[in-house]
Amino acid sequence: MTLREMAEARFGHPITDDEYDEAARYARMKLDFQNDLFKRNYGDDYLAILIAETVNQNRLDAYHKERDEIFKEFLRLAQEQQANEEQEWVQKMANDSGVSCAVVRELVNVLGYPYCITLFGKTQYGGIKNVGQCAGDHQAVSY
């Protein structure tokens, strides 16, 4: 049985040529270091274990990096969507209440978008006059 076959048997799955070459180099350095440090002569059986463990760690690392990139992209898209939704809401509230976008934007900045949605509504603008009143109150308090 070759070293690669022993590593694949230990790993439980086929190992690509690139994975094997990279893992074998690293595992050989680790084996040499351990042999020197402990004054031992661990052979190919242990080297096959080290290769299998290295391939496993490399695949796990690649999986986590890919997952992190997917999460980062998802977060970016969610933030972009919220920013667009928030801007549309500010414009709609300003138009419906007769208050400038700058005042509504300041309200959103002070109170936070989620709270403003709760306070004034997201799609049904029953509290439109309240936006103007709240904006007026906010300006009176702020200035």
Foldseek 3Di string as FASTA:
>chain_A
DDLQVLLCVLLVHHDDPVLQVVQLVVLVVVQVVVCVVVVHNDDSNVSSVSSSVSSVVVVVVVVVVVVVVVVVVVVVVVVVVVVVLLLVQLVVLCVLQVNDSVLSVVVCVVVNDVVCCVVQNRPDRPVSVVSVVVSVVCVVVVD
